[in-house]
Amino acid sequence: MTDKFYPISIKHLLKIILNEYKTKNSIFGIPDEIFFNPLNSQFQVKQFNQTIDSPIGVAAGPHSQMAQNIVAAWLAGSRYIELKTIQTLDELEIAKPCIYMQDEGYNCEWSQELKVK
């Protein structure tokens, strides 16, 4: 396993999704019976002159740079997804894991980010 993020092609991502759904009736471990159904949503709100199915979403972080996590968040009902932005010091070599847990937990790294082509 690498400590760097690499983009996955949409074709490969879709192949993974369709294969799991076909064989297990789930996507990224989320069973289809608990996929968010907007027709049953009690959370609809009007925002920016549009109705959205849910005001729930995920905040930016390394997880929101990963395609499978964005798909999983959507399936679980997230309709606001804050994507992680790119930092300018993305070439730093930082030892991983970067969470120091001797007696207290804190993040001691400048995180590595995916670059926008």
PDB file of N, CA and C in Angstrom:
ATOM      1  N   MET A   1       0.845  -1.179   0.000  1.00  0.00           N
ATOM      2  CA  MET A   1       0.000   0.000   0.000  1.00  0.00           C
ATOM      3  C   MET A   1       0.887   1.237   0.000  1.00  0.00           C
ATOM      4  N   THR A   2       0.511   2.189  -0.795  1.00  0.00           N
ATOM      5  CA  THR A   2       1.293   3.417  -0.919  1.00  0.00           C
ATOM      6  C   THR A   2       0.739   4.506   0.000  1.00  0.00           C
ATOM      7  N   ASP A   3       1.563   5.485   0.283  1.00  0.00           N
ATOM      8  CA  ASP A   3       1.106   6.616   1.084  1.00  0.00           C
ATOM      9  C   ASP A   3       0.711   7.791   0.201  1.00  0.00           C
ATOM     10  N   LYS A   4       0.642   7.586  -1.091  1.00  0.00           N
ATOM     11  CA  LYS A   4       0.257   8.630  -2.046  1.00  0.00           C
ATOM     12  C   LYS A   4      -1.121   8.319  -2.628  1.00  0.00           C
ATOM     13  N   PHE A   5      -1.862   9.363  -2.945  1.00  0.00           N
ATOM     14  CA  PHE A   5      -3.143   9.203  -3.630  1.00  0.00           C
ATOM     15  C   PHE A   5      -2.908   9.197  -5.125  1.00  0.00           C
ATOM     16  N   TYR A   6      -3.625   8.347  -5.833  1.00  0.00           N
ATOM     17  CA  TYR A   6      -3.586   8.316  -7.296  1.00  0.00           C
ATOM     18  C   TYR A   6      -5.012   8.255  -7.801  1.00  0.00           C
ATOM     19  N   PRO A   7      -5.323   9.009  -8.837  1.00  0.00           N
ATOM     20  CA  PRO A   7      -6.700   9.004  -9.350  1.00  0.00           C
ATOM     21  C   PRO A   7      -7.054   7.674  -9.996  1.00  0.00           C
ATOM     22  N   ILE A   8      -8.319   7.320  -9.882  1.00  0.00           N
ATOM     23  CA  ILE A   8      -8.861   6.129 -10.524  1.00  0.00           C
ATOM     24  C   ILE A   8      -9.704   6.591 -11.707  1.00  0.00           C
ATOM     25  N   SER A   9      -9.657   5.859 -12.795  1.00  0.00           N
ATOM     26  CA  SER A   9     -10.454   6.261 -13.961  1.00  0.00           C
ATOM     27  C   SER A   9     -11.930   6.003 -13.675  1.00  0.00           C
ATOM     28  N   ILE A  10     -12.785   6.793 -14.261  1.00  0.00           N
ATOM     29  CA  ILE A  10     -14.230   6.620 -14.080  1.00  0.00           C
ATOM     30  C   ILE A  10     -14.663   5.247 -14.599  1.00  0.00           C
ATOM     31  N   LYS A  11     -14.006   4.765 -15.642  1.00  0.00           N
ATOM     32  CA  LYS A  11     -14.313   3.442 -16.196  1.00  0.00           C
ATOM     33  C   LYS A  11     -14.010   2.343 -15.173  1.00  0.00           C
ATOM     34  N   HIS A  12     -12.852   2.440 -14.518  1.00  0.00           N
ATOM     35  CA  HIS A  12     -12.477   1.448 -13.509  1.00  0.00           C
ATOM     36  C   HIS A  12     -13.394   1.542 -12.288  1.00  0.00           C
ATOM     37  N   LEU A  13     -13.701   2.756 -11.853  1.00  0.00           N
ATOM     38  CA  LEU A  13     -14.607   2.958 -10.719  1.00  0.00           C
ATOM     39  C   LEU A  13     -15.971   2.345 -11.007  1.00  0.00           C
ATOM     40  N   LEU A  14     -16.500   2.592 -12.191  1.00  0.00           N
ATOM     41  CA  LEU A  14     -17.811   2.053 -12.550  1.00  0.00           C
ATOM     42  C   LEU A  14     -17.780   0.531 -12.612  1.00  0.00           C
ATOM     43  N   LYS A  15     -16.686  -0.034 -13.105  1.00  0.00           N
ATOM     44  CA  LYS A  15     -16.536  -1.492 -13.156  1.00  0.00           C
ATOM     45  C   LYS A  15     -16.589  -2.085 -11.741  1.00  0.00           C
ATOM     46  N   ILE A  16     -15.887  -1.460 -10.793  1.00  0.00           N
ATOM     47  CA  ILE A  16     -15.896  -1.911  -9.401  1.00  0.00           C
ATOM     48  C   ILE A  16     -17.309  -1.827  -8.826  1.00  0.00           C
ATOM     49  N   ILE A  17     -17.974  -0.699  -9.054  1.00  0.00           N
ATOM     50  CA  ILE A  17     -19.330  -0.490  -8.536  1.00  0.00           C
ATOM     51  C   ILE A  17     -20.296  -1.526  -9.098  1.00  0.00           C
ATOM     52  N   LEU A  18     -20.299  -1.686 -10.411  1.00  0.00           N
ATOM     53  CA  LEU A  18     -21.243  -2.605 -11.048  1.00  0.00           C
ATOM     54  C   LEU A  18     -20.987  -4.055 -10.655  1.00  0.00           C
ATOM     55  N   ASN A  19     -19.713  -4.431 -10.522  1.00  0.00           N
ATOM     56  CA  ASN A  19     -19.388  -5.796 -10.132  1.00  0.00           C
ATOM     57  C   ASN A  19     -19.876  -6.098  -8.710  1.00  0.00           C
ATOM     58  N   GLU A  20     -19.627  -5.178  -7.787  1.00  0.00           N
ATOM     59  CA  GLU A  20     -20.090  -5.404  -6.414  1.00  0.00           C
ATOM     60  C   GLU A  20     -21.609  -5.414  -6.344  1.00  0.00           C
ATOM     61  N   TYR A  21     -22.238  -4.511  -7.081  1.00  0.00           N
ATOM     62  CA  TYR A  21     -23.701  -4.461  -7.039  1.00  0.00           C
ATOM     63  C   TYR A  21     -24.311  -5.737  -7.617  1.00  0.00           C
ATOM     64  N   LYS A  22     -23.728  -6.234  -8.688  1.00  0.00           N
ATOM     65  CA  LYS A  22     -24.221  -7.450  -9.337  1.00  0.00           C
ATOM     66  C   LYS A  22     -24.059  -8.677  -8.434  1.00  0.00           C
ATOM     67  N   THR A  23     -22.943  -8.749  -7.723  1.00  0.00           N
ATOM     68  CA  THR A  23     -22.661  -9.937  -6.922  1.00  0.00           C
ATOM     69  C   THR A  23     -23.163  -9.858  -5.481  1.00  0.00           C
ATOM     70  N   LYS A  24     -23.268  -8.657  -4.924  1.00  0.00           N
ATOM     71  CA  LYS A  24     -23.606  -8.529  -3.499  1.00  0.00           C
ATOM     72  C   LYS A  24     -24.784  -7.610  -3.205  1.00  0.00           C
ATOM     73  N   ASN A  25     -25.345  -6.964  -4.214  1.00  0.00           N
ATOM     74  CA  ASN A  25     -26.408  -5.974  -4.008  1.00  0.00           C
ATOM     75  C   ASN A  25     -25.978  -4.867  -3.045  1.00  0.00           C
ATOM     76  N   SER A  26     -24.704  -4.481  -3.176  1.00  0.00           N
ATOM     77  CA  SER A  26     -24.185  -3.387  -2.370  1.00  0.00           C
ATOM     78  C   SER A  26     -23.167  -2.623  -3.205  1.00  0.00           C
ATOM     79  N   ILE A  27     -22.863  -1.427  -2.752  1.00  0.00           N
ATOM     80  CA  ILE A  27     -21.819  -0.614  -3.375  1.00  0.00           C
ATOM     81  C   ILE A  27     -20.931  -0.094  -2.251  1.00  0.00           C
ATOM     82  N   PHE A  28     -19.638  -0.409  -2.330  1.00  0.00           N
ATOM     83  CA  PHE A  28     -18.663  -0.047  -1.303  1.00  0.00           C
ATOM     84  C   PHE A  28     -19.143  -0.450   0.090  1.00  0.00           C
ATOM     85  N   GLY A  29     -19.734  -1.648   0.172  1.00  0.00           N
ATOM     86  CA  GLY A  29     -20.167  -2.202   1.446  1.00  0.00           C
ATOM     87  C   GLY A  29     -21.512  -1.696   1.942  1.00  0.00           C
ATOM     88  N   ILE A  30     -22.141  -0.801   1.202  1.00  0.00           N
ATOM     89  CA  ILE A  30     -23.450  -0.272   1.605  1.00  0.00           C
ATOM     90  C   ILE A  30     -24.528  -1.085   0.901  1.00  0.00           C
ATOM     91  N   PRO A  31     -25.343  -1.852   1.651  1.00  0.00           N
ATOM     92  CA  PRO A  31     -26.398  -2.655   1.012  1.00  0.00           C
ATOM     93  C   PRO A  31     -27.461  -1.772   0.368  1.00  0.00           C
ATOM     94  N   ASP A  32     -27.967  -2.230  -0.787  1.00  0.00           N
ATOM     95  CA  ASP A  32     -28.906  -1.384  -1.535  1.00  0.00           C
ATOM     96  C   ASP A  32     -30.186  -1.074  -0.775  1.00  0.00           C
ATOM     97  N   GLU A  33     -30.554  -1.905   0.192  1.00  0.00           N
ATOM     98  CA  GLU A  33     -31.797  -1.620   0.927  1.00  0.00           C
ATOM     99  C   GLU A  33     -31.677  -0.393   1.830  1.00  0.00           C
ATOM    100  N   ILE A  34     -30.450   0.077   2.076  1.00  0.00           N
ATOM    101  CA  ILE A  34     -30.331   1.301   2.882  1.00  0.00           C
ATOM    102  C   ILE A  34     -29.825   2.491   2.067  1.00  0.00           C
ATOM    103  N   PHE A  35     -29.778   2.360   0.727  1.00  0.00           N
ATOM    104  CA  PHE A  35     -29.475   3.533  -0.099  1.00  0.00           C
ATOM    105  C   PHE A  35     -30.511   4.607   0.212  1.00  0.00           C
ATOM    106  N   PHE A  36     -30.064   5.835   0.245  1.00  0.00           N
ATOM    107  CA  PHE A  36     -30.970   6.957   0.462  1.00  0.00           C
ATOM    108  C   PHE A  36     -31.981   7.020  -0.681  1.00  0.00           C
ATOM    109  N   ASN A  37     -33.244   7.102  -0.334  1.00  0.00           N
ATOM    110  CA  ASN A  37     -34.308   7.197  -1.332  1.00  0.00           C
ATOM    111  C   ASN A  37     -34.947   8.578  -1.226  1.00  0.00           C
ATOM    112  N   PRO A  38     -34.693   9.443  -2.200  1.00  0.00           N
ATOM    113  CA  PRO A  38     -35.239  10.802  -2.108  1.00  0.00           C
ATOM    114  C   PRO A  38     -36.759  10.854  -2.099  1.00  0.00           C
ATOM    115  N   LEU A  39     -37.418   9.813  -2.608  1.00  0.00           N
ATOM    116  CA  LEU A  39     -38.884   9.795  -2.587  1.00  0.00           C
ATOM    117  C   LEU A  39     -39.413   9.650  -1.162  1.00  0.00           C
ATOM    118  N   ASN A  40     -38.601   9.098  -0.271  1.00  0.00           N
ATOM    119  CA  ASN A  40     -38.999   8.929   1.131  1.00  0.00           C
ATOM    120  C   ASN A  40     -38.376   9.986   2.044  1.00  0.00           C
ATOM    121  N   SER A  41     -37.726  10.968   1.470  1.00  0.00           N
ATOM    122  CA  SER A  41     -36.997  11.941   2.272  1.00  0.00           C
ATOM    123  C   SER A  41     -37.929  12.875   3.020  1.00  0.00           C
ATOM    124  N   GLN A  42     -37.655  13.006   4.299  1.00  0.00           N
ATOM    125  CA  GLN A  42     -38.363  13.982   5.127  1.00  0.00           C
ATOM    126  C   GLN A  42     -37.495  15.208   5.355  1.00  0.00           C
ATOM    127  N   PHE A  43     -36.365  15.244   4.654  1.00  0.00           N
ATOM    128  CA  PHE A  43     -35.385  16.290   4.872  1.00  0.00           C
ATOM    129  C   PHE A  43     -35.308  17.313   3.744  1.00  0.00           C
ATOM    130  N   GLN A  44     -36.207  17.232   2.780  1.00  0.00           N
ATOM    131  CA  GLN A  44     -36.128  18.152   1.642  1.00  0.00           C
ATOM    132  C   GLN A  44     -36.145  19.597   2.121  1.00  0.00           C
ATOM    133  N   VAL A  45     -35.285  20.400   1.507  1.00  0.00           N
ATOM    134  CA  VAL A  45     -35.221  21.824   1.811  1.00  0.00           C
ATOM    135  C   VAL A  45     -35.084  22.596   0.509  1.00  0.00           C
ATOM    136  N   LYS A  46     -35.483  23.830   0.569  1.00  0.00           N
ATOM    137  CA  LYS A  46     -35.312  24.720  -0.576  1.00  0.00           C
ATOM    138  C   LYS A  46     -34.065  25.564  -0.311  1.00  0.00           C
ATOM    139  N   GLN A  47     -33.120  25.507  -1.224  1.00  0.00           N
ATOM    140  CA  GLN A  47     -31.866  26.238  -1.076  1.00  0.00           C
ATOM    141  C   GLN A  47     -31.471  26.787  -2.435  1.00  0.00           C
ATOM    142  N   PHE A  48     -31.144  28.063  -2.502  1.00  0.00           N
ATOM    143  CA  PHE A  48     -30.737  28.707  -3.757  1.00  0.00           C
ATOM    144  C   PHE A  48     -31.796  28.505  -4.848  1.00  0.00           C
ATOM    145  N   ASN A  49     -33.049  28.633  -4.469  1.00  0.00           N
ATOM    146  CA  ASN A  49     -34.194  28.491  -5.377  1.00  0.00           C
ATOM    147  C   ASN A  49     -34.313  27.099  -5.997  1.00  0.00           C
ATOM    148  N   GLN A  50     -33.746  26.107  -5.330  1.00  0.00           N
ATOM    149  CA  GLN A  50     -33.871  24.719  -5.785  1.00  0.00           C
ATOM    150  C   GLN A  50     -34.220  23.841  -4.592  1.00  0.00           C
ATOM    151  N   THR A  51     -34.976  22.798  -4.846  1.00  0.00           N
ATOM    152  CA  THR A  51     -35.272  21.831  -3.798  1.00  0.00           C
ATOM    153  C   THR A  51     -34.200  20.756  -3.826  1.00  0.00           C
ATOM    154  N   ILE A  52     -33.633  20.490  -2.660  1.00  0.00           N
ATOM    155  CA  ILE A  52     -32.675  19.394  -2.569  1.00  0.00           C
ATOM    156  C   ILE A  52     -33.255  18.334  -1.632  1.00  0.00           C
ATOM    157  N   ASP A  53     -32.868  17.095  -1.854  1.00  0.00           N
ATOM    158  CA  ASP A  53     -33.441  15.970  -1.122  1.00  0.00           C
ATOM    159  C   ASP A  53     -32.984  15.901   0.322  1.00  0.00           C
ATOM    160  N   SER A  54     -31.831  16.492   0.620  1.00  0.00           N
ATOM    161  CA  SER A  54     -31.302  16.422   1.978  1.00  0.00           C
ATOM    162  C   SER A  54     -30.279  17.537   2.182  1.00  0.00           C
ATOM    163  N   PRO A  55     -30.310  18.191   3.342  1.00  0.00           N
ATOM    164  CA  PRO A  55     -29.299  19.208   3.632  1.00  0.00           C
ATOM    165  C   PRO A  55     -28.031  18.601   4.230  1.00  0.00           C
ATOM    166  N   ILE A  56     -27.976  17.281   4.309  1.00  0.00           N
ATOM    167  CA  ILE A  56     -26.853  16.585   4.941  1.00  0.00           C
ATOM    168  C   ILE A  56     -25.710  16.426   3.952  1.00  0.00           C
ATOM    169  N   GLY A  57     -24.483  16.550   4.453  1.00  0.00           N
ATOM    170  CA  GLY A  57     -23.337  16.378   3.579  1.00  0.00           C
ATOM    171  C   GLY A  57     -22.075  16.082   4.350  1.00  0.00           C
ATOM    172  N   VAL A  58     -20.991  15.967   3.613  1.00  0.00           N
ATOM    173  CA  VAL A  58     -19.694  15.668   4.232  1.00  0.00           C
ATOM    174  C   VAL A  58     -18.775  16.879   4.086  1.00  0.00           C
ATOM    175  N   ALA A  59     -17.983  17.119   5.136  1.00  0.00           N
ATOM    176  CA  ALA A  59     -17.034  18.226   5.130  1.00  0.00           C
ATOM    177  C   ALA A  59     -15.754  17.806   4.412  1.00  0.00           C
ATOM    178  N   ALA A  60     -15.005  18.778   3.936  1.00  0.00           N
ATOM    179  CA  ALA A  60     -13.772  18.511   3.205  1.00  0.00           C
ATOM    180  C   ALA A  60     -12.750  17.812   4.081  1.00  0.00           C
ATOM    181  N   GLY A  61     -12.023  16.932   3.478  1.00  0.00           N
ATOM    182  CA  GLY A  61     -10.952  16.191   4.130  1.00  0.00           C
ATOM    183  C   GLY A  61     -10.390  15.217   3.119  1.00  0.00           C
ATOM    184  N   PRO A  62      -9.388  14.461   3.500  1.00  0.00           N
ATOM    185  CA  PRO A  62      -8.812  13.504   2.554  1.00  0.00           C
ATOM    186  C   PRO A  62      -9.851  12.528   2.012  1.00  0.00           C
ATOM    187  N   HIS A  63     -10.855  12.206   2.834  1.00  0.00           N
ATOM    188  CA  HIS A  63     -11.909  11.289   2.402  1.00  0.00           C
ATOM    189  C   HIS A  63     -12.706  11.848   1.226  1.00  0.00           C
ATOM    190  N   SER A  64     -12.832  13.159   1.131  1.00  0.00           N
ATOM    191  CA  SER A  64     -13.624  13.732   0.044  1.00  0.00           C
ATOM    192  C   SER A  64     -12.795  13.961  -1.212  1.00  0.00           C
ATOM    193  N   GLN A  65     -11.580  13.417  -1.231  1.00  0.00           N
ATOM    194  CA  GLN A  65     -10.786  13.383  -2.457  1.00  0.00           C
ATOM    195  C   GLN A  65     -10.884  12.015  -3.110  1.00  0.00           C
ATOM    196  N   MET A  66     -11.458  11.055  -2.406  1.00  0.00           N
ATOM    197  CA  MET A  66     -11.497   9.691  -2.908  1.00  0.00           C
ATOM    198  C   MET A  66     -12.861   9.414  -3.523  1.00  0.00           C
ATOM    199  N   ALA A  67     -12.845   9.007  -4.786  1.00  0.00           N
ATOM    200  CA  ALA A  67     -14.078   8.819  -5.545  1.00  0.00           C
ATOM    201  C   ALA A  67     -15.040   7.876  -4.839  1.00  0.00           C
ATOM    202  N   GLN A  68     -14.518   6.771  -4.287  1.00  0.00           N
ATOM    203  CA  GLN A  68     -15.414   5.816  -3.641  1.00  0.00           C
ATOM    204  C   GLN A  68     -16.090   6.408  -2.414  1.00  0.00           C
ATOM    205  N   ASN A  69     -15.433   7.318  -1.725  1.00  0.00           N
ATOM    206  CA  ASN A  69     -16.057   7.946  -0.563  1.00  0.00           C
ATOM    207  C   ASN A  69     -17.117   8.967  -0.970  1.00  0.00           C
ATOM    208  N   ILE A  70     -16.914   9.622  -2.088  1.00  0.00           N
ATOM    209  CA  ILE A  70     -17.929  10.555  -2.592  1.00  0.00           C
ATOM    210  C   ILE A  70     -19.171   9.778  -3.014  1.00  0.00           C
ATOM    211  N   VAL A  71     -18.977   8.654  -3.702  1.00  0.00           N
ATOM    212  CA  VAL A  71     -20.104   7.801  -4.107  1.00  0.00           C
ATOM    213  C   VAL A  71     -20.825   7.270  -2.870  1.00  0.00           C
ATOM    214  N   ALA A  72     -20.069   6.772  -1.886  1.00  0.00           N
ATOM    215  CA  ALA A  72     -20.675   6.235  -0.666  1.00  0.00           C
ATOM    216  C   ALA A  72     -21.465   7.314   0.076  1.00  0.00           C
ATOM    217  N   ALA A  73     -20.918   8.518   0.157  1.00  0.00           N
ATOM    218  CA  ALA A  73     -21.627   9.616   0.820  1.00  0.00           C
ATOM    219  C   ALA A  73     -22.942   9.921   0.100  1.00  0.00           C
ATOM    220  N   TRP A  74     -22.908   9.928  -1.224  1.00  0.00           N
ATOM    221  CA  TRP A  74     -24.122  10.186  -2.008  1.00  0.00           C
ATOM    222  C   TRP A  74     -25.168   9.100  -1.748  1.00  0.00           C
ATOM    223  N   LEU A  75     -24.736   7.835  -1.771  1.00  0.00           N
ATOM    224  CA  LEU A  75     -25.661   6.725  -1.542  1.00  0.00           C
ATOM    225  C   LEU A  75     -26.291   6.784  -0.163  1.00  0.00           C
ATOM    226  N   ALA A  76     -25.544   7.323   0.805  1.00  0.00           N
ATOM    227  CA  ALA A  76     -26.033   7.414   2.180  1.00  0.00           C
ATOM    228  C   ALA A  76     -26.886   8.659   2.424  1.00  0.00           C
ATOM    229  N   GLY A  77     -27.022   9.519   1.425  1.00  0.00           N
ATOM    230  CA  GLY A  77     -27.918  10.662   1.556  1.00  0.00           C
ATOM    231  C   GLY A  77     -27.275  12.028   1.508  1.00  0.00           C
ATOM    232  N   SER A  78     -25.975  12.088   1.423  1.00  0.00           N
ATOM    233  CA  SER A  78     -25.313  13.395   1.336  1.00  0.00           C
ATOM    234  C   SER A  78     -25.668  14.068   0.024  1.00  0.00           C
ATOM    235  N   ARG A  79     -26.101  15.292   0.124  1.00  0.00           N
ATOM    236  CA  ARG A  79     -26.385  16.059  -1.088  1.00  0.00           C
ATOM    237  C   ARG A  79     -25.528  17.318  -1.154  1.00  0.00           C
ATOM    238  N   TYR A  80     -24.844  17.632  -0.085  1.00  0.00           N
ATOM    239  CA  TYR A  80     -23.802  18.649  -0.085  1.00  0.00           C
ATOM    240  C   TYR A  80     -22.495  17.895   0.115  1.00  0.00           C
ATOM    241  N   ILE A  81     -21.564  18.055  -0.791  1.00  0.00           N
ATOM    242  CA  ILE A  81     -20.272  17.392  -0.657  1.00  0.00           C
ATOM    243  C   ILE A  81     -19.187  18.443  -0.847  1.00  0.00           C
ATOM    244  N   GLU A  82     -18.504  18.738   0.242  1.00  0.00           N
ATOM    245  CA  GLU A  82     -17.435  19.737   0.205  1.00  0.00           C
ATOM    246  C   GLU A  82     -16.145  19.017  -0.179  1.00  0.00           C
ATOM    247  N   LEU A  83     -15.631  19.341  -1.348  1.00  0.00           N
ATOM    248  CA  LEU A  83     -14.425  18.684  -1.833  1.00  0.00           C
ATOM    249  C   LEU A  83     -13.190  19.330  -1.239  1.00  0.00           C
ATOM    250  N   LYS A  84     -12.184  18.532  -0.992  1.00  0.00           N
ATOM    251  CA  LYS A  84     -10.914  19.009  -0.436  1.00  0.00           C
ATOM    252  C   LYS A  84     -10.186  19.832  -1.491  1.00  0.00           C
ATOM    253  N   THR A  85      -9.629  20.940  -1.075  1.00  0.00           N
ATOM    254  CA  THR A  85      -8.864  21.787  -1.993  1.00  0.00           C
ATOM    255  C   THR A  85      -7.399  21.366  -2.001  1.00  0.00           C
ATOM    256  N   ILE A  86      -6.679  21.842  -2.972  1.00  0.00           N
ATOM    257  CA  ILE A  86      -5.282  21.486  -3.141  1.00  0.00           C
ATOM    258  C   ILE A  86      -4.408  22.481  -2.388  1.00  0.00           C
ATOM    259  N   GLN A  87      -3.414  21.968  -1.673  1.00  0.00           N
ATOM    260  CA  GLN A  87      -2.465  22.819  -0.976  1.00  0.00           C
ATOM    261  C   GLN A  87      -1.261  23.068  -1.886  1.00  0.00           C
ATOM    262  N   THR A  88      -0.596  24.173  -1.663  1.00  0.00           N
ATOM    263  CA  THR A  88       0.533  24.516  -2.537  1.00  0.00           C
ATOM    264  C   THR A  88       1.806  23.760  -2.186  1.00  0.00           C
ATOM    265  N   LEU A  89       1.935  23.245  -0.982  1.00  0.00           N
ATOM    266  CA  LEU A  89       3.131  22.507  -0.586  1.00  0.00           C
ATOM    267  C   LEU A  89       2.880  20.999  -0.692  1.00  0.00           C
ATOM    268  N   ASP A  90       2.412  20.534  -1.851  1.00  0.00           N
ATOM    269  CA  ASP A  90       2.023  19.139  -1.991  1.00  0.00           C
ATOM    270  C   ASP A  90       3.174  18.204  -2.352  1.00  0.00           C
ATOM    271  N   GLU A  91       4.390  18.692  -2.400  1.00  0.00           N
ATOM    272  CA  GLU A  91       5.538  17.848  -2.729  1.00  0.00           C
ATOM    273  C   GLU A  91       6.349  17.462  -1.496  1.00  0.00           C
ATOM    274  N   LEU A  92       5.868  17.795  -0.305  1.00  0.00           N
ATOM    275  CA  LEU A  92       6.593  17.467   0.913  1.00  0.00           C
ATOM    276  C   LEU A  92       6.621  15.963   1.138  1.00  0.00           C
ATOM    277  N   GLU A  93       7.741  15.451   1.623  1.00  0.00           N
ATOM    278  CA  GLU A  93       7.856  14.043   1.985  1.00  0.00           C
ATOM    279  C   GLU A  93       7.618  13.929   3.490  1.00  0.00           C
ATOM    280  N   ILE A  94       6.503  13.373   3.862  1.00  0.00           N
ATOM    281  CA  ILE A  94       6.108  13.246   5.263  1.00  0.00           C
ATOM    282  C   ILE A  94       5.986  11.763   5.591  1.00  0.00           C
ATOM    283  N   ALA A  95       6.605  11.331   6.675  1.00  0.00           N
ATOM    284  CA  ALA A  95       6.480   9.940   7.090  1.00  0.00           C
ATOM    285  C   ALA A  95       5.030   9.641   7.460  1.00  0.00           C
ATOM    286  N   LYS A  96       4.543   8.517   7.033  1.00  0.00           N
ATOM    287  CA  LYS A  96       3.180   8.110   7.347  1.00  0.00           C
ATOM    288  C   LYS A  96       3.247   6.872   8.232  1.00  0.00           C
ATOM    289  N   PRO A  97       2.355   6.595   9.131  1.00  0.00           N
ATOM    290  CA  PRO A  97       1.169   7.427   9.365  1.00  0.00           C
ATOM    291  C   PRO A  97       1.553   8.736  10.037  1.00  0.00           C
ATOM    292  N   CYS A  98       0.694   9.711   9.911  1.00  0.00           N
ATOM    293  CA  CYS A  98       1.041  11.046  10.363  1.00  0.00           C
ATOM    294  C   CYS A  98       0.312  11.437  11.640  1.00  0.00           C
ATOM    295  N   ILE A  99      -0.382  10.504  12.252  1.00  0.00           N
ATOM    296  CA  ILE A  99      -1.068  10.794  13.507  1.00  0.00           C
ATOM    297  C   ILE A  99      -0.196  10.283  14.647  1.00  0.00           C
ATOM    298  N   TYR A 100       0.223  11.177  15.522  1.00  0.00           N
ATOM    299  CA  TYR A 100       1.085  10.831  16.644  1.00  0.00           C
ATOM    300  C   TYR A 100       0.203  10.470  17.831  1.00  0.00           C
ATOM    301  N   MET A 101       0.325   9.239  18.335  1.00  0.00           N
ATOM    302  CA  MET A 101      -0.602   8.760  19.362  1.00  0.00           C
ATOM    303  C   MET A 101       0.110   8.246  20.609  1.00  0.00           C
ATOM    304  N   GLN A 102       1.182   8.854  21.054  1.00  0.00           N
ATOM    305  CA  GLN A 102       1.864   8.379  22.262  1.00  0.00           C
ATOM    306  C   GLN A 102       1.014   8.606  23.512  1.00  0.00           C
ATOM    307  N   ASP A 103       0.603   9.832  23.751  1.00  0.00           N
ATOM    308  CA  ASP A 103      -0.230  10.100  24.916  1.00  0.00           C
ATOM    309  C   ASP A 103      -1.429  10.995  24.581  1.00  0.00           C
ATOM    310  N   GLU A 104      -1.429  11.532  23.399  1.00  0.00           N
ATOM    311  CA  GLU A 104      -2.564  12.327  22.920  1.00  0.00           C
ATOM    312  C   GLU A 104      -2.545  12.255  21.408  1.00  0.00           C
ATOM    313  N   GLY A 105      -3.674  12.481  20.793  1.00  0.00           N
ATOM    314  CA  GLY A 105      -3.725  12.385  19.340  1.00  0.00           C
ATOM    315  C   GLY A 105      -3.759  13.738  18.680  1.00  0.00           C
ATOM    316  N   TYR A 106      -2.898  13.922  17.701  1.00  0.00           N
ATOM    317  CA  TYR A 106      -2.959  15.126  16.884  1.00  0.00           C
ATOM    318  C   TYR A 106      -2.328  14.837  15.533  1.00  0.00           C
ATOM    319  N   ASN A 107      -2.739  15.588  14.560  1.00  0.00           N
ATOM    320  CA  ASN A 107      -2.253  15.419  13.201  1.00  0.00           C
ATOM    321  C   ASN A 107      -0.958  16.212  13.057  1.00  0.00           C
ATOM    322  N   CYS A 108       0.129  15.531  12.714  1.00  0.00           N
ATOM    323  CA  CYS A 108       1.434  16.204  12.661  1.00  0.00           C
ATOM    324  C   CYS A 108       1.988  16.265  11.238  1.00  0.00           C
ATOM    325  N   GLU A 109       1.128  16.440  10.261  1.00  0.00           N
ATOM    326  CA  GLU A 109       1.601  16.453   8.874  1.00  0.00           C
ATOM    327  C   GLU A 109       0.945  17.560   8.070  1.00  0.00           C
ATOM    328  N   TRP A 110       1.555  17.858   6.955  1.00  0.00           N
ATOM    329  CA  TRP A 110       0.965  18.687   5.929  1.00  0.00           C
ATOM    330  C   TRP A 110       0.503  17.697   4.891  1.00  0.00           C
ATOM    331  N   SER A 111      -0.786  17.512   4.743  1.00  0.00           N
ATOM    332  CA  SER A 111      -1.297  16.368   3.992  1.00  0.00           C
ATOM    333  C   SER A 111      -0.952  16.431   2.513  1.00  0.00           C
ATOM    334  N   GLN A 112      -0.776  15.262   1.954  1.00  0.00           N
ATOM    335  CA  GLN A 112      -0.509  15.121   0.518  1.00  0.00           C
ATOM    336  C   GLN A 112      -1.847  15.187  -0.212  1.00  0.00           C
ATOM    337  N   GLU A 113      -1.876  15.888  -1.293  1.00  0.00           N
ATOM    338  CA  GLU A 113      -3.127  16.106  -2.022  1.00  0.00           C
ATOM    339  C   GLU A 113      -3.015  15.632  -3.453  1.00  0.00           C
ATOM    340  N   LEU A 114      -4.156  15.375  -4.051  1.00  0.00           N
ATOM    341  CA  LEU A 114      -4.190  15.093  -5.476  1.00  0.00           C
ATOM    342  C   LEU A 114      -4.100  16.404  -6.243  1.00  0.00           C
ATOM    343  N   LYS A 115      -3.370  16.402  -7.307  1.00  0.00           N
ATOM    344  CA  LYS A 115      -3.258  17.603  -8.143  1.00  0.00           C
ATOM    345  C   LYS A 115      -4.382  17.620  -9.172  1.00  0.00           C
ATOM    346  N   VAL A 116      -4.840  18.805  -9.506  1.00  0.00           N
ATOM    347  CA  VAL A 116      -5.815  18.960 -10.572  1.00  0.00           C
ATOM    348  C   VAL A 116      -5.052  19.118 -11.860  1.00  0.00           C
ATOM    349  N   LYS A 117      -5.359  18.265 -12.825  1.00  0.00           N
ATOM    350  CA  LYS A 117      -4.656  18.330 -14.116  1.00  0.00           C
ATOM    351  C   LYS A 117      -5.096  19.564 -14.891  1.00  0.00           C
TER     352      LYS A 117
END
